[in-house]
Amino acid sequence: MKDLGKKDCSPPGRGKIFIISAPSGAGKTTLCRAVRENFPDMQYSVSYTTRLPRLDETDGVDYFFIEDAAFRKKIEQGEWAEWARVHDHYYGTSLQFLEKCLSAGRDILLDLDVQGAIQMLEHYPDSITIFVMPPSMDALRRRLEKRGTDSPKEIEKRLANAQAEMDRKDLYRYVIVNNSLTAAVARLLSIVESCRKVTGNRQLQ
């Protein structure tokens, strides 16, 4: 399989896609929030999902929450840039939304799992891919348990899925180990800032 976003050959004037992937509980949401706060002109792609919202989530902000039937209809109509069924729920990214932003020259941040990232690269091979790792599986288990949103059975499922995703981390252009949140945020912001300065294959002065 080809590497995910190893080269940056996006046309001048067209926006760039940044994809951040991480196992559930590795701190991806917090890191994505840091990117959005530090680069407010970057468009955040809100995914669609068929799962129920958590208590602190808002429709249209964290996700667009839709029914299974509506999601499957969009699959049939080819309206997703990527989609997957994860932990018994569908997740997807609107192809029309991405094209509208990129054509307007806007950079886009996407929060995707590995499966979604691979699909995205089929449409957008110039995407910049970043994988976030937990410091260890034990640390990840503690984070998931502390979060208190999943049953013990669900936590075991997420841990198994996390290991499968981490086994594919080398497909990504950048890998960040979130051992210290402050350091992980600094590293991520540095990567994004550096990549946003690149046009085509040339570094802007």
C-alpha atoms as a PDB file:
ATOM      1  CA  MET A   1       0.000   0.000   0.000  1.00  0.00           C
ATOM      2  CA  LYS A   2       1.221   3.485  -0.784  1.00  0.00           C
ATOM      3  CA  ASP A   3       2.330   5.838   1.971  1.00  0.00           C
ATOM      4  CA  LEU A   4      -0.272   8.272   3.251  1.00  0.00           C
ATOM      5  CA  GLY A   5       0.451  11.825   2.174  1.00  0.00           C
ATOM      6  CA  LYS A   6       4.217  11.453   1.877  1.00  0.00           C
ATOM      7  CA  LYS A   7       4.560  14.152  -0.782  1.00  0.00           C
ATOM      8  CA  ASP A   8       3.128  17.640  -1.034  1.00  0.00           C
ATOM      9  CA  CYS A   9       2.225  18.431  -4.636  1.00  0.00           C
ATOM     10  CA  SER A  10      -1.009  20.355  -4.178  1.00  0.00           C
ATOM     11  CA  PRO A  11      -1.694  22.959  -6.878  1.00  0.00           C
ATOM     12  CA  PRO A  12      -0.961  26.607  -6.008  1.00  0.00           C
ATOM     13  CA  GLY A  13      -4.075  28.465  -4.876  1.00  0.00           C
ATOM     14  CA  ARG A  14      -5.869  25.320  -3.778  1.00  0.00           C
ATOM     15  CA  GLY A  15      -6.320  24.475  -0.114  1.00  0.00           C
ATOM     16  CA  LYS A  16      -4.511  21.695   1.717  1.00  0.00           C
ATOM     17  CA  ILE A  17      -5.979  18.809   3.677  1.00  0.00           C
ATOM     18  CA  PHE A  18      -4.553  17.928   7.100  1.00  0.00           C
ATOM     19  CA  ILE A  19      -5.593  14.546   8.496  1.00  0.00           C
ATOM     20  CA  ILE A  20      -5.072  13.709  12.163  1.00  0.00           C
ATOM     21  CA  SER A  21      -5.611  10.113  13.278  1.00  0.00           C
ATOM     22  CA  ALA A  22      -5.258   8.522  16.702  1.00  0.00           C
ATOM     23  CA  PRO A  23      -6.703   5.692  18.770  1.00  0.00           C
ATOM     24  CA  SER A  24      -9.712   6.633  20.877  1.00  0.00           C
ATOM     25  CA  GLY A  25      -8.429   8.197  24.097  1.00  0.00           C
ATOM     26  CA  ALA A  26      -5.030   9.282  22.741  1.00  0.00           C
ATOM     27  CA  GLY A  27      -5.878  12.991  22.932  1.00  0.00           C
ATOM     28  CA  LYS A  28      -6.859  13.639  19.330  1.00  0.00           C
ATOM     29  CA  THR A  29      -9.820  15.862  20.189  1.00  0.00           C
ATOM     30  CA  THR A  30      -7.696  18.114  22.397  1.00  0.00           C
ATOM     31  CA  LEU A  31      -4.952  18.351  19.766  1.00  0.00           C
ATOM     32  CA  CYS A  32      -7.416  19.171  17.014  1.00  0.00           C
ATOM     33  CA  ARG A  33      -8.877  21.889  19.223  1.00  0.00           C
ATOM     34  CA  ALA A  34      -5.403  23.392  19.635  1.00  0.00           C
ATOM     35  CA  VAL A  35      -4.954  23.530  15.851  1.00  0.00           C
ATOM     36  CA  ARG A  36      -8.329  25.221  15.415  1.00  0.00           C
ATOM     37  CA  GLU A  37      -7.553  27.803  18.098  1.00  0.00           C
ATOM     38  CA  ASN A  38      -4.118  28.635  16.696  1.00  0.00           C
ATOM     39  CA  PHE A  39      -5.149  28.599  13.027  1.00  0.00           C
ATOM     40  CA  PRO A  40      -8.666  30.093  13.062  1.00  0.00           C
ATOM     41  CA  ASP A  41      -8.666  30.528   9.277  1.00  0.00           C
ATOM     42  CA  MET A  42      -8.389  26.760   8.808  1.00  0.00           C
ATOM     43  CA  GLN A  43     -11.693  25.030   8.088  1.00  0.00           C
ATOM     44  CA  TYR A  44     -12.582  22.134  10.382  1.00  0.00           C
ATOM     45  CA  SER A  45     -14.437  19.332   8.656  1.00  0.00           C
ATOM     46  CA  VAL A  46     -17.308  18.201  10.855  1.00  0.00           C
ATOM     47  CA  SER A  47     -17.917  14.499  10.281  1.00  0.00           C
ATOM     48  CA  TYR A  48     -21.295  12.817  10.061  1.00  0.00           C
ATOM     49  CA  THR A  49     -22.099   9.922  12.380  1.00  0.00           C
ATOM     50  CA  THR A  50     -24.977   7.643  13.228  1.00  0.00           C
ATOM     51  CA  ARG A  51     -24.007   7.243  16.889  1.00  0.00           C
ATOM     52  CA  LEU A  52     -25.816   9.135  19.622  1.00  0.00           C
ATOM     53  CA  PRO A  53     -24.240  12.392  20.860  1.00  0.00           C
ATOM     54  CA  ARG A  54     -22.398  12.396  24.167  1.00  0.00           C
ATOM     55  CA  LEU A  55     -23.519  14.817  26.872  1.00  0.00           C
ATOM     56  CA  ASP A  56     -20.930  17.461  25.936  1.00  0.00           C
ATOM     57  CA  GLU A  57     -21.441  17.234  22.154  1.00  0.00           C
ATOM     58  CA  THR A  58     -23.464  19.563  19.929  1.00  0.00           C
ATOM     59  CA  ASP A  59     -24.981  18.669  16.564  1.00  0.00           C
ATOM     60  CA  GLY A  60     -23.253  20.543  13.742  1.00  0.00           C
ATOM     61  CA  VAL A  61     -20.286  21.425  15.969  1.00  0.00           C
ATOM     62  CA  ASP A  62     -18.798  18.126  17.087  1.00  0.00           C
ATOM     63  CA  TYR A  63     -20.592  15.937  14.535  1.00  0.00           C
ATOM     64  CA  PHE A  64     -23.637  15.960  12.317  1.00  0.00           C
ATOM     65  CA  PHE A  65     -25.791  13.242  13.886  1.00  0.00           C
ATOM     66  CA  ILE A  66     -27.961  11.411  11.339  1.00  0.00           C
ATOM     67  CA  GLU A  67     -29.947   8.172  11.070  1.00  0.00           C
ATOM     68  CA  ASP A  68     -28.523   4.961   9.612  1.00  0.00           C
ATOM     69  CA  ALA A  69     -30.911   5.013   6.655  1.00  0.00           C
ATOM     70  CA  ALA A  70     -29.889   8.547   5.653  1.00  0.00           C
ATOM     71  CA  PHE A  71     -26.215   7.650   5.903  1.00  0.00           C
ATOM     72  CA  ARG A  72     -26.598   4.529   3.766  1.00  0.00           C
ATOM     73  CA  LYS A  73     -28.479   6.511   1.125  1.00  0.00           C
ATOM     74  CA  LYS A  74     -25.522   8.918   0.857  1.00  0.00           C
ATOM     75  CA  ILE A  75     -23.223   5.908   0.403  1.00  0.00           C
ATOM     76  CA  GLU A  76     -25.318   4.764  -2.551  1.00  0.00           C
ATOM     77  CA  GLN A  77     -25.240   8.265  -4.041  1.00  0.00           C
ATOM     78  CA  GLY A  78     -21.442   8.582  -3.709  1.00  0.00           C
ATOM     79  CA  GLU A  79     -21.627  11.621  -1.439  1.00  0.00           C
ATOM     80  CA  TRP A  80     -18.851  10.614   0.975  1.00  0.00           C
ATOM     81  CA  ALA A  81     -15.163  11.388   0.480  1.00  0.00           C
ATOM     82  CA  GLU A  82     -14.620   8.664   3.080  1.00  0.00           C
ATOM     83  CA  TRP A  83     -16.835   6.603   5.288  1.00  0.00           C
ATOM     84  CA  ALA A  84     -16.497   3.723   7.691  1.00  0.00           C
ATOM     85  CA  ARG A  85     -18.379   1.650  10.201  1.00  0.00           C
ATOM     86  CA  VAL A  86     -16.515   1.846  13.508  1.00  0.00           C
ATOM     87  CA  HIS A  87     -17.677   0.485  16.875  1.00  0.00           C
ATOM     88  CA  ASP A  88     -21.059  -0.385  15.290  1.00  0.00           C
ATOM     89  CA  HIS A  89     -21.675   3.149  13.980  1.00  0.00           C
ATOM     90  CA  TYR A  90     -21.159   4.912  10.637  1.00  0.00           C
ATOM     91  CA  TYR A  91     -18.849   7.920  10.209  1.00  0.00           C
ATOM     92  CA  GLY A  92     -18.328   9.923   7.021  1.00  0.00           C
ATOM     93  CA  THR A  93     -16.974  13.094   5.422  1.00  0.00           C
ATOM     94  CA  SER A  94     -18.898  15.093   2.823  1.00  0.00           C
ATOM     95  CA  LEU A  95     -17.115  15.190  -0.549  1.00  0.00           C
ATOM     96  CA  GLN A  96     -19.071  18.265  -1.659  1.00  0.00           C
ATOM     97  CA  PHE A  97     -18.031  20.200   1.442  1.00  0.00           C
ATOM     98  CA  LEU A  98     -14.342  19.400   0.922  1.00  0.00           C
ATOM     99  CA  GLU A  99     -14.368  20.436  -2.715  1.00  0.00           C
ATOM    100  CA  LYS A 100     -16.061  23.721  -1.918  1.00  0.00           C
ATOM    101  CA  CYS A 101     -13.412  24.621   0.681  1.00  0.00           C
ATOM    102  CA  LEU A 102     -10.393  23.462  -1.318  1.00  0.00           C
ATOM    103  CA  SER A 103     -11.505  25.290  -4.456  1.00  0.00           C
ATOM    104  CA  ALA A 104     -11.790  28.484  -2.380  1.00  0.00           C
ATOM    105  CA  GLY A 105      -8.177  28.034  -1.237  1.00  0.00           C
ATOM    106  CA  ARG A 106      -9.045  27.090   2.338  1.00  0.00           C
ATOM    107  CA  ASP A 107      -6.985  24.558   4.280  1.00  0.00           C
ATOM    108  CA  ILE A 108      -9.041  21.844   5.988  1.00  0.00           C
ATOM    109  CA  LEU A 109      -8.458  19.886   9.181  1.00  0.00           C
ATOM    110  CA  LEU A 110      -9.944  16.390   9.413  1.00  0.00           C
ATOM    111  CA  ASP A 111     -10.165  14.097  12.441  1.00  0.00           C
ATOM    112  CA  LEU A 112     -10.217  10.565  10.959  1.00  0.00           C
ATOM    113  CA  ASP A 113      -9.408   7.001  11.854  1.00  0.00           C
ATOM    114  CA  VAL A 114      -6.873   5.034   9.805  1.00  0.00           C
ATOM    115  CA  GLN A 115      -9.558   3.489   7.620  1.00  0.00           C
ATOM    116  CA  GLY A 116     -10.931   6.928   6.769  1.00  0.00           C
ATOM    117  CA  ALA A 117      -7.478   8.345   6.103  1.00  0.00           C
ATOM    118  CA  ILE A 118      -6.730   5.613   3.575  1.00  0.00           C
ATOM    119  CA  GLN A 119      -9.985   6.320   1.745  1.00  0.00           C
ATOM    120  CA  MET A 120      -9.291  10.063   1.771  1.00  0.00           C
ATOM    121  CA  LEU A 121      -5.921   9.487   0.121  1.00  0.00           C
ATOM    122  CA  GLU A 122      -7.710   7.858  -2.800  1.00  0.00           C
ATOM    123  CA  HIS A 123      -9.441  11.191  -3.459  1.00  0.00           C
ATOM    124  CA  TYR A 124      -6.719  13.525  -2.153  1.00  0.00           C
ATOM    125  CA  PRO A 125      -3.247  11.892  -2.327  1.00  0.00           C
ATOM    126  CA  ASP A 126      -1.509  15.171  -1.371  1.00  0.00           C
ATOM    127  CA  SER A 127      -3.102  15.231   2.081  1.00  0.00           C
ATOM    128  CA  ILE A 128      -0.780  15.787   5.049  1.00  0.00           C
ATOM    129  CA  THR A 129      -1.199  12.880   7.462  1.00  0.00           C
ATOM    130  CA  ILE A 130      -0.382  12.952  11.188  1.00  0.00           C
ATOM    131  CA  PHE A 131      -0.770  10.035  13.601  1.00  0.00           C
ATOM    132  CA  VAL A 132      -1.009  10.579  17.366  1.00  0.00           C
ATOM    133  CA  MET A 133       0.194   7.769  19.650  1.00  0.00           C
ATOM    134  CA  PRO A 134      -0.508   7.205  23.352  1.00  0.00           C
ATOM    135  CA  PRO A 135       2.669   6.658  25.422  1.00  0.00           C
ATOM    136  CA  SER A 136       1.603   3.043  26.090  1.00  0.00           C
ATOM    137  CA  MET A 137      -1.395   0.730  25.982  1.00  0.00           C
ATOM    138  CA  ASP A 138      -1.625   0.864  29.792  1.00  0.00           C
ATOM    139  CA  ALA A 139      -1.812   4.663  29.657  1.00  0.00           C
ATOM    140  CA  LEU A 140      -4.491   4.437  26.990  1.00  0.00           C
ATOM    141  CA  ARG A 141      -6.547   2.035  29.100  1.00  0.00           C
ATOM    142  CA  ARG A 142      -6.356   4.409  32.079  1.00  0.00           C
ATOM    143  CA  ARG A 143      -7.488   7.348  29.920  1.00  0.00           C
ATOM    144  CA  LEU A 144     -10.463   5.413  28.561  1.00  0.00           C
ATOM    145  CA  GLU A 145     -11.491   4.277  32.033  1.00  0.00           C
ATOM    146  CA  LYS A 146     -11.125   7.772  33.459  1.00  0.00           C
ATOM    147  CA  ARG A 147     -13.281   9.200  30.657  1.00  0.00           C
ATOM    148  CA  GLY A 148     -16.183   7.147  31.982  1.00  0.00           C
ATOM    149  CA  THR A 149     -18.167   7.077  28.742  1.00  0.00           C
ATOM    150  CA  ASP A 150     -17.708   3.409  27.788  1.00  0.00           C
ATOM    151  CA  SER A 151     -18.537   0.058  29.368  1.00  0.00           C
ATOM    152  CA  PRO A 152     -15.701  -2.386  30.191  1.00  0.00           C
ATOM    153  CA  LYS A 153     -16.643  -4.397  27.090  1.00  0.00           C
ATOM    154  CA  GLU A 154     -16.530  -1.273  24.922  1.00  0.00           C
ATOM    155  CA  ILE A 155     -13.146  -0.306  26.370  1.00  0.00           C
ATOM    156  CA  GLU A 156     -11.722  -3.716  25.429  1.00  0.00           C
ATOM    157  CA  LYS A 157     -13.042  -3.263  21.900  1.00  0.00           C
ATOM    158  CA  ARG A 158     -11.482   0.202  21.660  1.00  0.00           C
ATOM    159  CA  LEU A 159      -8.137  -1.110  22.926  1.00  0.00           C
ATOM    160  CA  ALA A 160      -8.108  -3.877  20.314  1.00  0.00           C
ATOM    161  CA  ASN A 161      -8.929  -1.354  17.615  1.00  0.00           C
ATOM    162  CA  ALA A 162      -6.235   0.987  18.965  1.00  0.00           C
ATOM    163  CA  GLN A 163      -3.558  -1.679  18.596  1.00  0.00           C
ATOM    164  CA  ALA A 164      -4.637  -2.370  15.017  1.00  0.00           C
ATOM    165  CA  GLU A 165      -4.428   1.356  14.204  1.00  0.00           C
ATOM    166  CA  MET A 166      -1.039   1.796  15.868  1.00  0.00           C
ATOM    167  CA  ASP A 167       0.305  -1.098  13.817  1.00  0.00           C
ATOM    168  CA  ARG A 168      -0.258   1.116  10.752  1.00  0.00           C
ATOM    169  CA  LYS A 169       1.311   4.308  12.082  1.00  0.00           C
ATOM    170  CA  ASP A 170       4.246   4.047   9.661  1.00  0.00           C
ATOM    171  CA  LEU A 171       1.886   4.806   6.787  1.00  0.00           C
ATOM    172  CA  TYR A 172       1.674   8.403   8.054  1.00  0.00           C
ATOM    173  CA  ARG A 173       4.024  11.244   7.231  1.00  0.00           C
ATOM    174  CA  TYR A 174       4.289  12.371  10.870  1.00  0.00           C
ATOM    175  CA  VAL A 175       3.917  10.476  14.168  1.00  0.00           C
ATOM    176  CA  ILE A 176       3.490  12.273  17.512  1.00  0.00           C
ATOM    177  CA  VAL A 177       3.642  10.451  20.858  1.00  0.00           C
ATOM    178  CA  ASN A 178       1.303  12.196  23.291  1.00  0.00           C
ATOM    179  CA  ASN A 179       3.272  11.591  26.471  1.00  0.00           C
ATOM    180  CA  SER A 180       3.155  15.268  27.434  1.00  0.00           C
ATOM    181  CA  LEU A 181       0.136  17.181  26.136  1.00  0.00           C
ATOM    182  CA  THR A 182       2.067  20.463  26.081  1.00  0.00           C
ATOM    183  CA  ALA A 183       4.879  18.944  24.024  1.00  0.00           C
ATOM    184  CA  ALA A 184       2.447  17.129  21.704  1.00  0.00           C
ATOM    185  CA  VAL A 185       0.536  20.353  21.026  1.00  0.00           C
ATOM    186  CA  ALA A 186       3.765  22.247  20.301  1.00  0.00           C
ATOM    187  CA  ARG A 187       4.941  19.539  17.894  1.00  0.00           C
ATOM    188  CA  LEU A 188       1.606  19.417  16.086  1.00  0.00           C
ATOM    189  CA  LEU A 189       1.377  23.193  15.688  1.00  0.00           C
ATOM    190  CA  SER A 190       4.933  23.257  14.342  1.00  0.00           C
ATOM    191  CA  ILE A 191       4.079  20.619  11.727  1.00  0.00           C
ATOM    192  CA  VAL A 192       0.929  22.411  10.608  1.00  0.00           C
ATOM    193  CA  GLU A 193       2.619  25.797  10.404  1.00  0.00           C
ATOM    194  CA  SER A 194       5.530  24.393   8.377  1.00  0.00           C
ATOM    195  CA  CYS A 195       3.298  22.512   5.935  1.00  0.00           C
ATOM    196  CA  ARG A 196       0.989  25.481   5.390  1.00  0.00           C
ATOM    197  CA  LYS A 197       3.984  27.507   4.137  1.00  0.00           C
ATOM    198  CA  VAL A 198       4.642  25.023   1.335  1.00  0.00           C
ATOM    199  CA  THR A 199       3.130  25.662  -2.093  1.00  0.00           C
ATOM    200  CA  GLY A 200       3.513  22.806  -4.535  1.00  0.00           C
ATOM    201  CA  ASN A 201       7.050  21.512  -3.979  1.00  0.00           C
ATOM    202  CA  ARG A 202       8.524  24.898  -3.056  1.00  0.00           C
ATOM    203  CA  GLN A 203       9.029  26.338   0.409  1.00  0.00           C
ATOM    204  CA  LEU A 204       7.800  29.912   0.680  1.00  0.00           C
ATOM    205  CA  GLN A 205      10.404  32.413   1.884  1.00  0.00           C
END
